[in-house]
Amino acid sequence: MMKKLFRNAKEYSGALFMSACAIIFPIGNNNINWGTAVIIVIIAICATVVLHILDDTEAIFRSDLHMWLIAIWLSTGVIIGKCLP
């Protein structure tokens, strides 16, 4: 069980790092406005549609897309939260 967990973490470390960067970026950025939030929401919606279109691809690629999708929606929530008064 632990070997499988560490092997998966090693395989997906790049995607996890990039997802973490995508989430951390809006937290540290103070120049976020509603224009940026709308663009990020559009990107998140497009990514969701693309993921459903590519749902028949191989599992490794699909799991990477799921990680990116989660990161995009989390960063979208952070950006919208920073735009609220």
PDB file of N, CA and C in Angstrom:
ATOM      1  N   MET A   1       0.829  -1.198   0.000  1.00  0.00           N
ATOM      2  CA  MET A   1       0.000   0.000   0.000  1.00  0.00           C
ATOM      3  C   MET A   1       0.870   1.257   0.000  1.00  0.00           C
ATOM      4  N   MET A   2       1.850   1.304   0.913  1.00  0.00           N
ATOM      5  CA  MET A   2       2.717   2.482   1.000  1.00  0.00           C
ATOM      6  C   MET A   2       3.592   2.619  -0.242  1.00  0.00           C
ATOM      7  N   LYS A   3       4.060   1.469  -0.776  1.00  0.00           N
ATOM      8  CA  LYS A   3       4.880   1.539  -1.985  1.00  0.00           C
ATOM      9  C   LYS A   3       4.081   2.136  -3.140  1.00  0.00           C
ATOM     10  N   LYS A   4       2.825   1.707  -3.250  1.00  0.00           N
ATOM     11  CA  LYS A   4       1.981   2.235  -4.318  1.00  0.00           C
ATOM     12  C   LYS A   4       1.733   3.728  -4.120  1.00  0.00           C
ATOM     13  N   LEU A   5       1.513   4.142  -2.882  1.00  0.00           N
ATOM     14  CA  LEU A   5       1.280   5.556  -2.590  1.00  0.00           C
ATOM     15  C   LEU A   5       2.490   6.398  -2.965  1.00  0.00           C
ATOM     16  N   PHE A   6       3.702   5.950  -2.570  1.00  0.00           N
ATOM     17  CA  PHE A   6       4.908   6.711  -2.891  1.00  0.00           C
ATOM     18  C   PHE A   6       5.203   6.691  -4.382  1.00  0.00           C
ATOM     19  N   ARG A   7       4.917   5.570  -5.052  1.00  0.00           N
ATOM     20  CA  ARG A   7       5.132   5.506  -6.494  1.00  0.00           C
ATOM     21  C   ARG A   7       4.205   6.491  -7.206  1.00  0.00           C
ATOM     22  N   ASN A   8       2.949   6.562  -6.777  1.00  0.00           N
ATOM     23  CA  ASN A   8       2.021   7.515  -7.385  1.00  0.00           C
ATOM     24  C   ASN A   8       2.448   8.949  -7.107  1.00  0.00           C
ATOM     25  N   ALA A   9       2.922   9.226  -5.890  1.00  0.00           N
ATOM     26  CA  ALA A   9       3.384  10.581  -5.563  1.00  0.00           C
ATOM     27  C   ALA A   9       4.593  10.950  -6.412  1.00  0.00           C
ATOM     28  N   LYS A  10       5.474   9.982  -6.651  1.00  0.00           N
ATOM     29  CA  LYS A  10       6.655  10.243  -7.476  1.00  0.00           C
ATOM     30  C   LYS A  10       6.252  10.490  -8.931  1.00  0.00           C
ATOM     31  N   GLU A  11       5.302   9.722  -9.436  1.00  0.00           N
ATOM     32  CA  GLU A  11       4.863   9.887 -10.823  1.00  0.00           C
ATOM     33  C   GLU A  11       4.159  11.221 -11.037  1.00  0.00           C
ATOM     34  N   TYR A  12       3.407  11.668 -10.044  1.00  0.00           N
ATOM     35  CA  TYR A  12       2.597  12.865 -10.206  1.00  0.00           C
ATOM     36  C   TYR A  12       3.185  14.082  -9.514  1.00  0.00           C
ATOM     37  N   SER A  13       4.452  14.023  -9.114  1.00  0.00           N
ATOM     38  CA  SER A  13       5.034  15.140  -8.367  1.00  0.00           C
ATOM     39  C   SER A  13       5.064  16.425  -9.197  1.00  0.00           C
ATOM     40  N   GLY A  14       5.340  16.333 -10.482  1.00  0.00           N
ATOM     41  CA  GLY A  14       5.357  17.522 -11.329  1.00  0.00           C
ATOM     42  C   GLY A  14       3.985  18.159 -11.439  1.00  0.00           C
ATOM     43  N   ALA A  15       2.974  17.325 -11.657  1.00  0.00           N
ATOM     44  CA  ALA A  15       1.612  17.851 -11.762  1.00  0.00           C
ATOM     45  C   ALA A  15       1.149  18.427 -10.432  1.00  0.00           C
ATOM     46  N   LEU A  16       1.513  17.780  -9.324  1.00  0.00           N
ATOM     47  CA  LEU A  16       1.140  18.302  -8.008  1.00  0.00           C
ATOM     48  C   LEU A  16       1.818  19.637  -7.742  1.00  0.00           C
ATOM     49  N   PHE A  17       3.095  19.757  -8.132  1.00  0.00           N
ATOM     50  CA  PHE A  17       3.820  21.009  -7.933  1.00  0.00           C
ATOM     51  C   PHE A  17       3.188  22.137  -8.742  1.00  0.00           C
ATOM     52  N   MET A  18       2.876  21.867 -10.003  1.00  0.00           N
ATOM     53  CA  MET A  18       2.270  22.896 -10.842  1.00  0.00           C
ATOM     54  C   MET A  18       0.875  23.268 -10.336  1.00  0.00           C
ATOM     55  N   SER A  19       0.137  22.285  -9.845  1.00  0.00           N
ATOM     56  CA  SER A  19      -1.184  22.578  -9.281  1.00  0.00           C
ATOM     57  C   SER A  19      -1.062  23.443  -8.040  1.00  0.00           C
ATOM     58  N   ALA A  20      -0.076  23.146  -7.202  1.00  0.00           N
ATOM     59  CA  ALA A  20       0.138  23.958  -6.001  1.00  0.00           C
ATOM     60  C   ALA A  20       0.524  25.384  -6.382  1.00  0.00           C
ATOM     61  N   CYS A  21       1.350  25.531  -7.412  1.00  0.00           N
ATOM     62  CA  CYS A  21       1.723  26.879  -7.869  1.00  0.00           C
ATOM     63  C   CYS A  21       0.505  27.629  -8.394  1.00  0.00           C
ATOM     64  N   ALA A  22      -0.378  26.922  -9.096  1.00  0.00           N
ATOM     65  CA  ALA A  22      -1.585  27.564  -9.622  1.00  0.00           C
ATOM     66  C   ALA A  22      -2.504  28.023  -8.501  1.00  0.00           C
ATOM     67  N   ILE A  23      -2.487  27.319  -7.375  1.00  0.00           N
ATOM     68  CA  ILE A  23      -3.315  27.715  -6.237  1.00  0.00           C
ATOM     69  C   ILE A  23      -2.647  28.833  -5.448  1.00  0.00           C
ATOM     70  N   ILE A  24      -1.323  28.777  -5.299  1.00  0.00           N
ATOM     71  CA  ILE A  24      -0.607  29.759  -4.482  1.00  0.00           C
ATOM     72  C   ILE A  24      -0.530  31.118  -5.177  1.00  0.00           C
ATOM     73  N   PHE A  25      -0.478  31.137  -6.508  1.00  0.00           N
ATOM     74  CA  PHE A  25      -0.352  32.404  -7.240  1.00  0.00           C
ATOM     75  C   PHE A  25      -1.401  33.436  -6.842  1.00  0.00           C
ATOM     76  N   PRO A  26      -2.703  33.108  -6.854  1.00  0.00           N
ATOM     77  CA  PRO A  26      -3.674  34.153  -6.505  1.00  0.00           C
ATOM     78  C   PRO A  26      -3.645  34.542  -5.036  1.00  0.00           C
ATOM     79  N   ILE A  27      -3.136  33.685  -4.170  1.00  0.00           N
ATOM     80  CA  ILE A  27      -3.083  34.029  -2.746  1.00  0.00           C
ATOM     81  C   ILE A  27      -2.093  35.167  -2.524  1.00  0.00           C
ATOM     82  N   GLY A  28      -0.956  35.132  -3.202  1.00  0.00           N
ATOM     83  CA  GLY A  28       0.065  36.146  -2.998  1.00  0.00           C
ATOM     84  C   GLY A  28      -0.076  37.374  -3.876  1.00  0.00           C
ATOM     85  N   ASN A  29      -1.003  37.354  -4.812  1.00  0.00           N
ATOM     86  CA  ASN A  29      -1.148  38.458  -5.754  1.00  0.00           C
ATOM     87  C   ASN A  29      -2.195  39.443  -5.237  1.00  0.00           C
ATOM     88  N   ASN A  30      -1.824  40.702  -5.098  1.00  0.00           N
ATOM     89  CA  ASN A  30      -2.756  41.720  -4.615  1.00  0.00           C
ATOM     90  C   ASN A  30      -3.360  42.554  -5.736  1.00  0.00           C
ATOM     91  N   ASN A  31      -2.990  42.289  -6.976  1.00  0.00           N
ATOM     92  CA  ASN A  31      -3.480  43.083  -8.104  1.00  0.00           C
ATOM     93  C   ASN A  31      -4.609  42.381  -8.850  1.00  0.00           C
ATOM     94  N   ILE A  32      -5.413  41.613  -8.143  1.00  0.00           N
ATOM     95  CA  ILE A  32      -6.488  40.862  -8.783  1.00  0.00           C
ATOM     96  C   ILE A  32      -7.747  41.724  -8.810  1.00  0.00           C
ATOM     97  N   ASN A  33      -8.390  41.772  -9.984  1.00  0.00           N
ATOM     98  CA  ASN A  33      -9.640  42.511 -10.112  1.00  0.00           C
ATOM     99  C   ASN A  33     -10.688  41.592 -10.734  1.00  0.00           C
ATOM    100  N   TRP A  34     -11.874  42.127 -10.958  1.00  0.00           N
ATOM    101  CA  TRP A  34     -12.954  41.300 -11.494  1.00  0.00           C
ATOM    102  C   TRP A  34     -12.673  40.851 -12.926  1.00  0.00           C
ATOM    103  N   GLY A  35     -11.906  41.628 -13.688  1.00  0.00           N
ATOM    104  CA  GLY A  35     -11.542  41.204 -15.042  1.00  0.00           C
ATOM    105  C   GLY A  35     -10.726  39.925 -15.027  1.00  0.00           C
ATOM    106  N   THR A  36      -9.766  39.864 -14.118  1.00  0.00           N
ATOM    107  CA  THR A  36      -8.960  38.650 -13.967  1.00  0.00           C
ATOM    108  C   THR A  36      -9.828  37.490 -13.515  1.00  0.00           C
ATOM    109  N   ALA A  37     -10.735  37.744 -12.589  1.00  0.00           N
ATOM    110  CA  ALA A  37     -11.608  36.681 -12.085  1.00  0.00           C
ATOM    111  C   ALA A  37     -12.480  36.107 -13.199  1.00  0.00           C
ATOM    112  N   VAL A  38     -13.012  36.971 -14.061  1.00  0.00           N
ATOM    113  CA  VAL A  38     -13.857  36.497 -15.161  1.00  0.00           C
ATOM    114  C   VAL A  38     -13.042  35.648 -16.129  1.00  0.00           C
ATOM    115  N   ILE A  39     -11.825  36.071 -16.433  1.00  0.00           N
ATOM    116  CA  ILE A  39     -10.964  35.302 -17.337  1.00  0.00           C
ATOM    117  C   ILE A  39     -10.656  33.932 -16.744  1.00  0.00           C
ATOM    118  N   ILE A  40     -10.342  33.879 -15.456  1.00  0.00           N
ATOM    119  CA  ILE A  40     -10.034  32.602 -14.809  1.00  0.00           C
ATOM    120  C   ILE A  40     -11.262  31.697 -14.790  1.00  0.00           C
ATOM    121  N   VAL A  41     -12.441  32.256 -14.567  1.00  0.00           N
ATOM    122  CA  VAL A  41     -13.667  31.447 -14.597  1.00  0.00           C
ATOM    123  C   VAL A  41     -13.892  30.878 -15.995  1.00  0.00           C
ATOM    124  N   ILE A  42     -13.657  31.677 -17.030  1.00  0.00           N
ATOM    125  CA  ILE A  42     -13.802  31.188 -18.408  1.00  0.00           C
ATOM    126  C   ILE A  42     -12.803  30.070 -18.680  1.00  0.00           C
ATOM    127  N   ILE A  43     -11.560  30.228 -18.222  1.00  0.00           N
ATOM    128  CA  ILE A  43     -10.549  29.179 -18.393  1.00  0.00           C
ATOM    129  C   ILE A  43     -10.979  27.912 -17.666  1.00  0.00           C
ATOM    130  N   ALA A  44     -11.514  28.055 -16.460  1.00  0.00           N
ATOM    131  CA  ALA A  44     -11.951  26.887 -15.692  1.00  0.00           C
ATOM    132  C   ALA A  44     -13.105  26.170 -16.385  1.00  0.00           C
ATOM    133  N   ILE A  45     -14.039  26.927 -16.935  1.00  0.00           N
ATOM    134  CA  ILE A  45     -15.159  26.307 -17.650  1.00  0.00           C
ATOM    135  C   ILE A  45     -14.657  25.588 -18.898  1.00  0.00           C
ATOM    136  N   CYS A  46     -13.744  26.215 -19.644  1.00  0.00           N
ATOM    137  CA  CYS A  46     -13.171  25.574 -20.836  1.00  0.00           C
ATOM    138  C   CYS A  46     -12.411  24.306 -20.467  1.00  0.00           C
ATOM    139  N   ALA A  47     -11.659  24.350 -19.369  1.00  0.00           N
ATOM    140  CA  ALA A  47     -10.922  23.165 -18.930  1.00  0.00           C
ATOM    141  C   ALA A  47     -11.875  22.041 -18.546  1.00  0.00           C
ATOM    142  N   THR A  48     -12.992  22.380 -17.925  1.00  0.00           N
ATOM    143  CA  THR A  48     -13.983  21.364 -17.565  1.00  0.00           C
ATOM    144  C   THR A  48     -14.576  20.723 -18.813  1.00  0.00           C
ATOM    145  N   VAL A  49     -14.893  21.539 -19.813  1.00  0.00           N
ATOM    146  CA  VAL A  49     -15.449  21.014 -21.063  1.00  0.00           C
ATOM    147  C   VAL A  49     -14.426  20.125 -21.765  1.00  0.00           C
ATOM    148  N   VAL A  50     -13.177  20.564 -21.819  1.00  0.00           N
ATOM    149  CA  VAL A  50     -12.124  19.767 -22.465  1.00  0.00           C
ATOM    150  C   VAL A  50     -11.935  18.444 -21.743  1.00  0.00           C
ATOM    151  N   LEU A  51     -11.993  18.451 -20.421  1.00  0.00           N
ATOM    152  CA  LEU A  51     -11.839  17.205 -19.670  1.00  0.00           C
ATOM    153  C   LEU A  51     -12.953  16.227 -20.013  1.00  0.00           C
ATOM    154  N   HIS A  52     -14.166  16.711 -20.166  1.00  0.00           N
ATOM    155  CA  HIS A  52     -15.268  15.817 -20.517  1.00  0.00           C
ATOM    156  C   HIS A  52     -15.168  15.345 -21.961  1.00  0.00           C
ATOM    157  N   ILE A  53     -14.610  16.159 -22.841  1.00  0.00           N
ATOM    158  CA  ILE A  53     -14.414  15.731 -24.226  1.00  0.00           C
ATOM    159  C   ILE A  53     -13.339  14.652 -24.299  1.00  0.00           C
ATOM    160  N   LEU A  54     -12.262  14.825 -23.517  1.00  0.00           N
ATOM    161  CA  LEU A  54     -11.147  13.879 -23.537  1.00  0.00           C
ATOM    162  C   LEU A  54     -11.319  12.753 -22.526  1.00  0.00           C
ATOM    163  N   ASP A  55     -12.527  12.468 -22.117  1.00  0.00           N
ATOM    164  CA  ASP A  55     -12.762  11.488 -21.063  1.00  0.00           C
ATOM    165  C   ASP A  55     -12.396  10.073 -21.486  1.00  0.00           C
ATOM    166  N   ASP A  56     -12.227   9.817 -22.772  1.00  0.00           N
ATOM    167  CA  ASP A  56     -11.898   8.478 -23.247  1.00  0.00           C
ATOM    168  C   ASP A  56     -10.400   8.239 -23.368  1.00  0.00           C
ATOM    169  N   THR A  57      -9.580   9.211 -22.973  1.00  0.00           N
ATOM    170  CA  THR A  57      -8.138   9.044 -23.093  1.00  0.00           C
ATOM    171  C   THR A  57      -7.627   8.133 -21.992  1.00  0.00           C
ATOM    172  N   GLU A  58      -6.339   7.834 -22.036  1.00  0.00           N
ATOM    173  CA  GLU A  58      -5.783   6.909 -21.055  1.00  0.00           C
ATOM    174  C   GLU A  58      -5.824   7.503 -19.649  1.00  0.00           C
ATOM    175  N   ALA A  59      -5.815   6.629 -18.663  1.00  0.00           N
ATOM    176  CA  ALA A  59      -6.095   7.013 -17.274  1.00  0.00           C
ATOM    177  C   ALA A  59      -5.052   7.965 -16.696  1.00  0.00           C
ATOM    178  N   ILE A  60      -3.776   7.796 -17.046  1.00  0.00           N
ATOM    179  CA  ILE A  60      -2.736   8.650 -16.461  1.00  0.00           C
ATOM    180  C   ILE A  60      -2.943  10.093 -16.912  1.00  0.00           C
ATOM    181  N   PHE A  61      -3.178  10.277 -18.195  1.00  0.00           N
ATOM    182  CA  PHE A  61      -3.404  11.623 -18.722  1.00  0.00           C
ATOM    183  C   PHE A  61      -4.663  12.226 -18.111  1.00  0.00           C
ATOM    184  N   ARG A  62      -5.696  11.412 -17.949  1.00  0.00           N
ATOM    185  CA  ARG A  62      -6.951  11.901 -17.392  1.00  0.00           C
ATOM    186  C   ARG A  62      -6.782  12.315 -15.932  1.00  0.00           C
ATOM    187  N   SER A  63      -6.012  11.571 -15.156  1.00  0.00           N
ATOM    188  CA  SER A  63      -5.810  11.946 -13.751  1.00  0.00           C
ATOM    189  C   SER A  63      -5.006  13.240 -13.649  1.00  0.00           C
ATOM    190  N   ASP A  64      -4.053  13.469 -14.561  1.00  0.00           N
ATOM    191  CA  ASP A  64      -3.347  14.754 -14.592  1.00  0.00           C
ATOM    192  C   ASP A  64      -4.320  15.892 -14.878  1.00  0.00           C
ATOM    193  N   LEU A  65      -5.233  15.662 -15.804  1.00  0.00           N
ATOM    194  CA  LEU A  65      -6.223  16.688 -16.118  1.00  0.00           C
ATOM    195  C   LEU A  65      -7.128  16.967 -14.929  1.00  0.00           C
ATOM    196  N   HIS A  66      -7.474  15.922 -14.186  1.00  0.00           N
ATOM    197  CA  HIS A  66      -8.308  16.131 -12.999  1.00  0.00           C
ATOM    198  C   HIS A  66      -7.578  16.980 -11.971  1.00  0.00           C
ATOM    199  N   MET A  67      -6.273  16.744 -11.783  1.00  0.00           N
ATOM    200  CA  MET A  67      -5.510  17.560 -10.831  1.00  0.00           C
ATOM    201  C   MET A  67      -5.478  19.015 -11.275  1.00  0.00           C
ATOM    202  N   TRP A  68      -5.267  19.238 -12.575  1.00  0.00           N
ATOM    203  CA  TRP A  68      -5.259  20.612 -13.077  1.00  0.00           C
ATOM    204  C   TRP A  68      -6.620  21.264 -12.909  1.00  0.00           C
ATOM    205  N   LEU A  69      -7.673  20.489 -13.161  1.00  0.00           N
ATOM    206  CA  LEU A  69      -9.023  21.032 -13.034  1.00  0.00           C
ATOM    207  C   LEU A  69      -9.325  21.433 -11.590  1.00  0.00           C
ATOM    208  N   ILE A  70      -8.948  20.597 -10.653  1.00  0.00           N
ATOM    209  CA  ILE A  70      -9.146  20.932  -9.238  1.00  0.00           C
ATOM    210  C   ILE A  70      -8.355  22.183  -8.880  1.00  0.00           C
ATOM    211  N   ALA A  71      -7.117  22.265  -9.354  1.00  0.00           N
ATOM    212  CA  ALA A  71      -6.286  23.442  -9.057  1.00  0.00           C
ATOM    213  C   ALA A  71      -6.888  24.709  -9.654  1.00  0.00           C
ATOM    214  N   ILE A  72      -7.402  24.617 -10.879  1.00  0.00           N
ATOM    215  CA  ILE A  72      -7.992  25.797 -11.517  1.00  0.00           C
ATOM    216  C   ILE A  72      -9.218  26.267 -10.749  1.00  0.00           C
ATOM    217  N   TRP A  73     -10.084  25.340 -10.349  1.00  0.00           N
ATOM    218  CA  TRP A  73     -11.292  25.755  -9.630  1.00  0.00           C
ATOM    219  C   TRP A  73     -10.961  26.271  -8.235  1.00  0.00           C
ATOM    220  N   LEU A  74      -9.949  25.694  -7.581  1.00  0.00           N
ATOM    221  CA  LEU A  74      -9.535  26.225  -6.274  1.00  0.00           C
ATOM    222  C   LEU A  74      -8.974  27.636  -6.411  1.00  0.00           C
ATOM    223  N   SER A  75      -8.132  27.848  -7.420  1.00  0.00           N
ATOM    224  CA  SER A  75      -7.589  29.195  -7.608  1.00  0.00           C
ATOM    225  C   SER A  75      -8.686  30.173  -8.019  1.00  0.00           C
ATOM    226  N   THR A  76      -9.698  29.691  -8.746  1.00  0.00           N
ATOM    227  CA  THR A  76     -10.834  30.545  -9.087  1.00  0.00           C
ATOM    228  C   THR A  76     -11.559  31.000  -7.830  1.00  0.00           C
ATOM    229  N   GLY A  77     -11.752  30.077  -6.898  1.00  0.00           N
ATOM    230  CA  GLY A  77     -12.385  30.442  -5.630  1.00  0.00           C
ATOM    231  C   GLY A  77     -11.577  31.452  -4.847  1.00  0.00           C
ATOM    232  N   VAL A  78     -10.253  31.284  -4.850  1.00  0.00           N
ATOM    233  CA  VAL A  78      -9.384  32.233  -4.143  1.00  0.00           C
ATOM    234  C   VAL A  78      -9.462  33.611  -4.794  1.00  0.00           C
ATOM    235  N   ILE A  79      -9.434  33.645  -6.123  1.00  0.00           N
ATOM    236  CA  ILE A  79      -9.481  34.928  -6.837  1.00  0.00           C
ATOM    237  C   ILE A  79     -10.805  35.640  -6.584  1.00  0.00           C
ATOM    238  N   ILE A  80     -11.909  34.921  -6.661  1.00  0.00           N
ATOM    239  CA  ILE A  80     -13.208  35.547  -6.407  1.00  0.00           C
ATOM    240  C   ILE A  80     -13.288  36.013  -4.960  1.00  0.00           C
ATOM    241  N   GLY A  81     -12.754  35.228  -4.040  1.00  0.00           N
ATOM    242  CA  GLY A  81     -12.735  35.642  -2.640  1.00  0.00           C
ATOM    243  C   GLY A  81     -11.925  36.910  -2.411  1.00  0.00           C
ATOM    244  N   LYS A  82     -10.834  37.069  -3.160  1.00  0.00           N
ATOM    245  CA  LYS A  82     -10.024  38.289  -3.018  1.00  0.00           C
ATOM    246  C   LYS A  82     -10.698  39.493  -3.667  1.00  0.00           C
ATOM    247  N   CYS A  83     -11.579  39.257  -4.640  1.00  0.00           N
ATOM    248  CA  CYS A  83     -12.274  40.367  -5.290  1.00  0.00           C
ATOM    249  C   CYS A  83     -13.433  40.888  -4.452  1.00  0.00           C
ATOM    250  N   LEU A  84     -13.959  40.054  -3.574  1.00  0.00           N
ATOM    251  CA  LEU A  84     -15.093  40.492  -2.755  1.00  0.00           C
ATOM    252  C   LEU A  84     -14.632  41.510  -1.719  1.00  0.00           C
ATOM    253  N   PRO A  85     -15.492  42.456  -1.362  1.00  0.00           N
ATOM    254  CA  PRO A  85     -15.078  43.479  -0.380  1.00  0.00           C
ATOM    255  C   PRO A  85     -14.956  42.909   1.027  1.00  0.00           C
TER     256      PRO A  85
END
